[in-house]
Protein backbone atom coordinates (compact mmCIF):
# COMPACT_ATOMS: atom_id res chain seq x y z
CA MET A 1 0.00 0.00 0.00
CA LYS A 2 1.42 3.38 -1.03
CA ILE A 3 0.98 6.21 1.50
CA LEU A 4 1.86 9.85 0.84
CA VAL A 5 2.92 11.79 3.94
CA LEU A 6 2.72 15.61 3.95
CA ASN A 7 4.15 18.12 6.40
CA CYS A 8 3.04 21.57 5.26
CA GLY A 9 4.88 24.44 6.95
CA SER A 10 4.48 28.19 6.75
CA SER A 11 6.48 28.38 3.49
CA SER A 12 7.38 24.78 2.67
CA ILE A 13 6.01 21.34 1.87
CA LYS A 14 7.93 18.25 2.96
CA TYR A 15 6.65 15.05 1.39
CA LYS A 16 7.53 11.37 1.59
CA LEU A 17 6.08 8.38 -0.23
CA PHE A 18 5.98 5.06 1.61
CA GLU A 19 5.05 1.56 0.55
CA ASN A 20 4.56 -1.07 3.26
CA LYS A 21 6.29 1.26 5.75
CA GLU A 22 9.40 1.59 3.55
CA LEU A 23 10.43 4.96 2.11
CA LEU A 24 10.27 5.11 -1.70
CA THR A 25 11.05 8.78 -2.33
CA SER A 26 10.93 12.19 -0.67
CA GLY A 27 11.17 15.87 -1.54
CA LEU A 28 10.93 19.44 -0.34
CA ILE A 29 9.14 22.40 -1.90
CA GLU A 30 10.47 25.66 -0.43
CA ARG A 31 9.86 29.43 -0.41
CA ILE A 32 6.11 29.16 -1.02
CA GLY A 33 4.64 32.66 -1.24
CA GLU A 34 7.98 34.34 -0.56
CA LYS A 35 9.22 37.36 -2.51
CA GLY A 36 10.87 36.32 -5.75
CA SER A 37 9.58 32.74 -5.59
CA LYS A 38 7.85 31.21 -8.61
CA ILE A 39 5.63 29.19 -6.27
CA LYS A 40 2.94 31.63 -5.15
CA ASN A 41 0.69 29.34 -3.10
CA TYR A 42 0.11 25.82 -1.80
CA LYS A 43 -1.86 24.83 -4.88
CA GLN A 44 1.19 25.47 -7.07
CA GLY A 45 3.48 23.83 -4.53
CA LEU A 46 1.40 20.65 -4.33
CA SER A 47 1.05 20.51 -8.12
CA LEU A 48 4.86 20.64 -8.35
CA MET A 49 5.05 17.87 -5.76
CA LEU A 50 2.80 15.61 -7.87
CA GLU A 51 5.00 16.32 -10.90
CA GLN A 52 8.10 15.38 -8.91
CA LEU A 53 6.45 12.16 -7.72
CA ALA A 54 5.70 11.22 -11.34
CA GLU A 55 9.28 12.03 -12.39
CA SER A 56 10.68 9.88 -9.58
CA LYS A 57 9.20 6.81 -11.34
CA LYS A 58 8.26 5.39 -7.93
CA ILE A 59 4.65 5.70 -8.94
CA LYS A 60 3.01 5.09 -12.34
CA ASN A 61 -0.40 6.54 -11.56
CA ILE A 62 -1.72 8.77 -8.76
CA SER A 63 -4.43 6.17 -8.10
CA GLU A 64 -1.70 3.98 -6.58
CA ILE A 65 -1.70 6.31 -3.57
CA LYS A 66 -4.27 4.85 -1.18
CA ALA A 67 -4.18 7.61 1.46
CA ILE A 68 -2.54 10.90 2.38
CA GLY A 69 -1.30 11.34 5.94
CA HIS A 70 -0.96 14.91 7.23
CA ARG A 71 1.04 16.07 10.21
CA VAL A 72 -1.24 18.38 12.23
CA VAL A 73 0.32 20.06 15.24
CA HIS A 74 -2.69 20.94 17.40
CA GLY A 75 -5.71 18.64 17.60
CA GLY A 76 -7.16 19.97 20.82
CA MET A 77 -9.05 17.26 22.71
CA LEU A 78 -8.74 14.66 19.91
CA SER A 79 -6.94 11.66 21.34
CA LYS A 80 -6.03 9.75 18.19
CA SER A 81 -5.45 10.01 14.44
CA CYS A 82 -8.58 10.24 12.32
CA ILE A 83 -9.96 10.43 8.79
CA ILE A 84 -10.45 14.09 7.93
CA ASP A 85 -14.05 15.28 7.55
CA LYS A 86 -15.80 18.62 8.09
CA LYS A 87 -15.82 18.16 11.86
CA VAL A 88 -12.05 17.54 11.99
CA ILE A 89 -11.42 20.58 9.77
CA LYS A 90 -13.42 22.73 12.22
CA ILE A 91 -11.29 21.47 15.11
CA ILE A 92 -8.04 22.21 13.25
CA LYS A 93 -9.32 25.75 12.54
CA LYS A 94 -10.46 26.23 16.14
CA PHE A 95 -7.01 25.44 17.54
CA SER A 96 -5.06 27.37 14.89
CA PRO A 97 -4.57 30.42 17.20
CA LEU A 98 -2.72 28.12 19.63
CA ALA A 99 -0.32 26.89 16.94
CA PRO A 100 -0.27 29.85 14.52
CA LEU A 101 2.97 28.79 12.83
CA HIS A 102 1.68 25.29 12.09
CA ASN A 103 -2.08 24.60 12.01
CA PRO A 104 -3.03 27.15 9.29
CA ALA A 105 -0.34 25.73 6.99
CA ASN A 106 -1.34 22.14 7.83
CA LEU A 107 -4.93 23.00 6.94
CA LYS A 108 -4.01 24.61 3.61
CA GLY A 109 -2.31 21.38 2.58
CA ILE A 110 -5.34 19.32 3.59
CA LEU A 111 -7.87 21.49 1.74
CA GLU A 112 -5.80 21.63 -1.45
CA MET A 113 -5.29 17.86 -1.51
CA GLN A 114 -9.01 17.29 -1.02
CA LYS A 115 -9.63 19.41 -4.13
CA MET A 116 -6.81 17.96 -6.23
CA LEU A 117 -7.28 14.28 -5.31
CA PRO A 118 -10.91 14.05 -4.10
CA LYS A 119 -11.09 10.23 -4.20
CA ILE A 120 -8.08 9.69 -1.92
CA PRO A 121 -8.78 9.77 1.85
CA ASN A 122 -6.86 12.29 3.97
CA ILE A 123 -5.76 11.34 7.48
CA ALA A 124 -4.79 13.75 10.29
CA VAL A 125 -2.06 12.58 12.67
CA PHE A 126 -1.82 14.98 15.63
CA ASP A 127 1.24 16.02 17.62
CA THR A 128 -1.01 16.49 20.66
CA ALA A 129 -2.67 13.05 20.62
CA PHE A 130 0.18 11.20 22.37
CA HIS A 131 -0.36 13.34 25.48
CA SER A 132 -4.12 12.79 25.72
CA ALA A 133 -3.61 10.32 28.60
CA LEU A 134 -2.05 12.92 30.93
CA PRO A 135 -3.60 12.87 34.40
CA GLU A 136 -5.81 15.85 35.27
CA TYR A 137 -3.39 17.17 37.89
CA ALA A 138 -0.70 17.38 35.16
CA TYR A 139 -2.73 19.24 32.55
CA VAL A 140 -4.93 21.66 34.53
CA TYR A 141 -3.32 25.06 35.19
CA ALA A 142 -3.77 26.81 38.54
CA LEU A 143 -6.09 29.42 37.04
CA PRO A 144 -9.77 29.82 37.94
CA TYR A 145 -11.21 26.41 37.06
CA GLU A 146 -13.80 27.80 34.65
CA PHE A 147 -11.00 28.76 32.23
CA TYR A 148 -10.42 25.05 31.76
CA LYS A 149 -14.08 23.97 31.79
CA LYS A 150 -15.40 26.70 29.50
CA HIS A 151 -12.42 27.55 27.30
CA LYS A 152 -10.30 24.35 27.44
CA ILE A 153 -7.22 26.21 28.64
CA ARG A 154 -5.01 23.30 29.68
CA ARG A 155 -1.71 21.59 28.93
CA TYR A 156 -1.86 19.82 25.57
CA GLY A 157 1.77 18.96 24.81
CA PHE A 158 3.40 18.57 21.39
CA HIS A 159 5.97 16.49 19.47
CA GLY A 160 3.72 13.52 20.15
CA ILE A 161 4.32 11.86 16.77
CA SER A 162 8.06 11.88 17.47
CA TYR A 163 7.53 10.51 20.99
CA GLN A 164 5.28 7.75 19.70
CA TYR A 165 7.97 6.64 17.26
CA ILE A 166 11.00 6.81 19.56
CA SER A 167 9.19 5.13 22.46
CA GLN A 168 8.51 2.14 20.20
CA ARG A 169 12.14 2.10 19.06
CA ALA A 170 13.33 2.36 22.68
CA SER A 171 11.23 -0.69 23.52
CA LYS A 172 13.02 -2.69 20.80
CA LEU A 173 16.47 -1.34 21.66
CA LEU A 174 16.03 -2.21 25.34
CA LYS A 175 14.26 -5.50 24.48
CA ARG A 176 11.43 -4.77 26.86
CA PRO A 177 7.65 -4.34 26.34
CA PHE A 178 6.64 -0.71 25.87
CA ASN A 179 3.87 -0.99 28.47
CA LYS A 180 6.46 -1.90 31.10
CA LEU A 181 8.87 0.95 30.42
CA ASN A 182 9.37 4.24 32.26
CA LEU A 183 10.98 6.72 29.88
CA ILE A 184 12.05 10.36 29.83
CA MET A 185 12.27 11.50 26.20
CA CYS A 186 14.02 14.69 25.09
CA HIS A 187 13.03 16.03 21.66
CA LEU A 188 15.63 18.71 20.99
CA GLY A 189 15.41 20.58 17.68
CA ALA A 190 14.28 24.05 16.64
CA GLY A 191 11.43 23.38 19.04
CA CYS A 192 12.28 21.47 22.21
CA SER A 193 10.26 19.48 24.72
CA ILE A 194 10.53 16.63 27.20
CA ALA A 195 7.94 13.95 27.94
CA ALA A 196 7.63 11.43 30.76
CA VAL A 197 6.09 8.00 30.09
CA LYS A 198 5.10 5.54 32.81
CA ASN A 199 4.29 1.96 31.81
CA GLY A 200 3.68 3.13 28.25
CA ASN A 201 1.40 6.08 29.12
CA ALA A 202 2.35 9.76 28.95
CA ILE A 203 2.11 11.34 32.42
CA ASP A 204 3.69 14.77 31.82
CA THR A 205 5.30 16.95 29.17
CA SER A 206 7.06 20.32 29.14
CA MET A 207 5.12 22.08 26.36
CA GLY A 208 1.70 23.30 27.44
CA PHE A 209 -1.30 25.19 26.11
CA THR A 210 0.93 26.27 23.19
CA PRO A 211 4.39 25.13 21.99
CA LEU A 212 5.96 28.06 23.90
CA GLU A 213 6.17 26.60 27.42
CA GLY A 214 8.99 24.46 28.78
CA LEU A 215 12.59 24.27 27.59
CA VAL A 216 14.65 27.04 26.04
CA MET A 217 14.33 26.64 22.23
CA GLY A 218 15.82 28.12 19.08
CA THR A 219 13.81 31.35 19.18
CA ARG A 220 11.27 30.58 21.95
CA CYS A 221 11.86 31.50 25.58
CA GLY A 222 10.27 28.48 27.27
CA ASP A 223 9.34 28.87 30.96
CA ILE A 224 9.42 32.44 32.27
CA ASP A 225 7.75 34.34 35.10
CA ALA A 226 4.31 35.42 33.80
CA GLY A 227 4.82 38.65 35.74
CA ILE A 228 7.48 39.65 33.19
CA LEU A 229 4.76 39.90 30.54
CA ILE A 230 2.66 42.16 32.79
CA TYR A 231 5.72 44.31 33.49
CA LEU A 232 6.69 44.61 29.80
CA SER A 233 3.13 45.42 28.84
CA LYS A 234 2.81 48.20 31.45
CA ARG A 235 6.36 49.58 31.42
CA PHE A 236 6.97 49.64 27.66
CA LYS A 237 3.37 49.56 26.39
CA ILE A 238 4.12 46.43 24.35
CA LYS A 239 1.05 45.15 22.52
CA PRO A 240 0.05 41.44 22.64
CA GLU A 241 1.09 40.81 19.02
CA HIS A 242 4.53 42.28 19.74
CA LEU A 243 4.85 40.20 22.89
CA ASP A 244 4.00 37.16 20.79
CA GLU A 245 6.79 37.98 18.34
CA LEU A 246 9.22 38.68 21.20
CA LEU A 247 8.57 35.38 22.99
CA ASN A 248 8.25 33.13 19.92
CA LYS A 249 10.72 34.61 17.42
CA LYS A 250 13.32 36.74 19.21
CA SER A 251 14.06 34.84 22.43
CA GLY A 252 15.57 31.46 23.28
CA LEU A 253 19.05 30.54 22.06
CA ALA A 254 18.94 33.36 19.50
CA GLY A 255 18.10 36.00 22.10
CA ILE A 256 20.76 34.88 24.57
CA SER A 257 23.63 34.11 22.18
CA GLY A 258 23.21 37.04 19.81
CA VAL A 259 24.44 34.90 16.89
CA GLY A 260 21.11 33.33 15.92
CA ASN A 261 19.23 30.12 16.67
CA ASP A 262 21.45 27.72 14.69
CA MET A 263 23.13 25.40 17.19
CA ARG A 264 26.12 25.02 14.88
CA LEU A 265 26.82 28.76 15.03
CA ILE A 266 26.41 28.80 18.82
CA LEU A 267 28.82 25.86 19.22
CA LYS A 268 31.30 27.61 16.92
CA GLY A 269 31.05 30.79 19.00
CA TYR A 270 31.46 28.80 22.24
CA LYS A 271 34.65 27.17 20.95
CA LYS A 272 36.02 30.61 20.06
CA GLY A 273 35.36 31.86 23.61
CA ASN A 274 32.13 33.80 23.01
CA LYS A 275 30.69 34.21 26.54
CA ARG A 276 27.09 34.68 25.40
CA CYS A 277 27.25 31.51 23.31
CA ARG A 278 28.56 29.61 26.33
CA LEU A 279 25.79 31.09 28.49
CA ALA A 280 23.16 30.06 25.92
CA LEU A 281 24.46 26.47 26.02
CA GLU A 282 24.60 26.43 29.82
CA ILE A 283 21.03 27.72 30.19
CA PHE A 284 19.79 25.31 27.52
CA CYS A 285 21.34 22.25 29.21
CA TYR A 286 20.50 23.38 32.75
CA LYS A 287 16.79 23.48 31.89
CA ILE A 288 16.97 20.02 30.31
CA LYS A 289 18.72 18.64 33.40
CA LYS A 290 16.09 20.20 35.71
CA TYR A 291 13.25 18.63 33.73
CA ILE A 292 14.92 15.22 33.66
CA ALA A 293 15.39 15.31 37.44
CA SER A 294 11.81 16.47 38.11
CA TYR A 295 10.32 13.82 35.82
CA ALA A 296 12.51 11.17 37.44
CA SER A 297 10.87 12.15 40.73
CA ALA A 298 7.39 11.96 39.19
CA LEU A 299 8.07 8.53 37.67
CA GLY A 300 9.70 7.06 40.76
CA LYS A 301 11.77 4.69 38.63
CA VAL A 302 13.38 5.52 35.28
CA ASP A 303 14.52 2.87 32.81
CA ALA A 304 15.97 5.20 30.20
CA VAL A 305 16.44 8.78 29.07
CA VAL A 306 16.20 9.20 25.28
CA PHE A 307 17.61 12.01 23.11
CA THR A 308 16.17 12.67 19.66
CA ALA A 309 15.66 15.32 16.91
CA GLY A 310 18.32 17.55 15.29
CA ILE A 311 20.18 18.69 18.41
CA GLY A 312 19.48 15.57 20.45
CA GLU A 313 20.80 13.28 17.71
CA ASN A 314 23.82 15.32 16.61
CA VAL A 315 25.38 17.23 19.51
CA PRO A 316 27.33 15.06 22.02
CA LEU A 317 28.17 18.15 24.13
CA ILE A 318 24.48 18.84 24.81
CA ARG A 319 23.87 15.23 25.82
CA ARG A 320 26.90 15.23 28.11
CA TRP A 321 26.01 18.50 29.85
CA SER A 322 22.35 17.50 30.20
CA ALA A 323 22.42 13.83 31.21
CA ASN A 324 25.34 13.38 33.59
CA ILE A 325 23.32 13.59 36.80
CA ASP A 326 25.14 12.14 39.81
CA SER A 327 22.09 12.26 42.10
CA LEU A 328 20.29 9.84 39.74
CA GLY A 329 23.33 7.64 39.21
CA MET A 330 23.15 8.52 35.51
CA LYS A 331 26.43 8.67 33.59
CA ILE A 332 27.31 8.92 29.90
CA ASP A 333 30.20 6.99 28.35
CA GLU A 334 31.98 9.68 26.33
CA ASP A 335 33.37 7.33 23.66
CA LYS A 336 29.90 5.95 22.97
CA ASN A 337 28.47 9.48 23.09
CA LYS A 338 30.86 10.84 20.43
CA LYS A 339 30.12 7.94 18.07
CA ALA A 340 26.34 8.21 18.40
CA ILE A 341 25.61 10.66 15.58
CA GLU A 342 22.32 10.07 13.74
CA ARG A 343 22.14 6.41 14.73
CA GLU A 344 20.44 4.38 17.42
CA ALA A 345 22.75 3.75 20.36
CA ILE A 346 22.94 3.22 24.10
CA ILE A 347 25.48 5.81 25.28
CA SER A 348 25.36 5.38 29.07
CA SER A 349 28.29 3.89 30.94
CA ASN A 350 28.03 0.28 32.08
CA ASN A 351 27.55 1.27 35.73
CA SER A 352 24.87 3.90 35.03
CA LYS A 353 21.64 3.14 36.91
CA ILE A 354 19.62 4.73 34.09
CA LYS A 355 20.23 3.92 30.43
CA VAL A 356 20.83 6.89 28.11
CA LEU A 357 19.78 6.38 24.49
CA VAL A 358 20.08 8.25 21.22
CA ILE A 359 17.30 7.43 18.74
CA PRO A 360 16.87 9.34 15.45
CA THR A 361 13.22 10.27 15.13
CA ASN A 362 11.13 9.47 12.06
CA GLU A 363 7.83 11.32 12.31
CA ALA A 364 6.99 10.73 8.65
CA LYS A 365 7.23 6.97 9.06
CA MET A 366 5.04 7.13 12.16
CA ILE A 367 2.44 9.14 10.21
CA ALA A 368 2.57 6.53 7.42
CA ILE A 369 2.04 3.72 9.94
CA GLU A 370 -0.92 5.52 11.56
CA THR A 371 -2.42 6.37 8.17
CA GLU A 372 -2.17 2.84 6.83
CA LYS A 373 -3.68 1.48 10.04
CA LEU A 374 -6.74 3.70 9.67
CA VAL A 375 -7.18 3.04 5.95
CA ARG A 376 -7.01 -0.72 6.43
């Protein structure tokens, strides 16, 4: 069965074609709607994608595609992947203000594919669904309770597709059933989060009502004192939309380092003695270490800590600074750590009480698996 997986971003379309869970071909359409680009909108971008699929010779006729799986960041209260209908489209629209960089673009891709290939079912796979099992005490904020009851202001969590994939891979790597594992998983990329899983069920995660809460990220601030926002608003008369830009696009590693949000540039600056780059790395790793320790307390017993995504898979320094925690008896073997670049590996020392793993994530494959399951 051939499954097309789409990840539509604010100015790009990533696509991958799978058959029986194996990748056949992939591509990227960039600069959609940007100044000087020949691709003005998603319709043109998706048309180009279909042309590229035909040219790849991995598919003779579009009718070979049996379903299209879409990554959708925010699904609200939806707890699992689903076939897209009018009701699902309404939900994606409703939660677009909470994921403004993602949901609107995800929806454009869905609507265009429904028009272009009306006979092929579209499936939504949600980043929030993995966290739907969180206990109430973990997802309700300490605001007046009616904000949750009436307006559904609560912790939702994100990166769930990635967590679903790497938790299954961790189970195989450790040779233990998933429903008997206690894991702390660190998804470290442009966006960063940590999730705690107890006996196969998510019990907490660092991202909250939006993808802004939690760890320091590329351009996002993560956890800060809410009073700072009140102060900035009153003292400098900063409007909500400008606060949004400040917190989501000008903070995080970029705001601290001054060299941008690219981890490679920050590491380069650190090696050259740039104090702000070093500070950015120290803050970044300190927050990760704090979350690991707090989730270890919540779980009671931890079998493994897993690192994934661009930074988690590729930067041994970050793993070393974040996961050597003496109080937990957790220690990384540096030789194993240096060799574990973009490959599955156990990098903890032999006497570490908690295993430390590196597992490259594969969200597209997870979407293909979920999509095929629903179609069948």
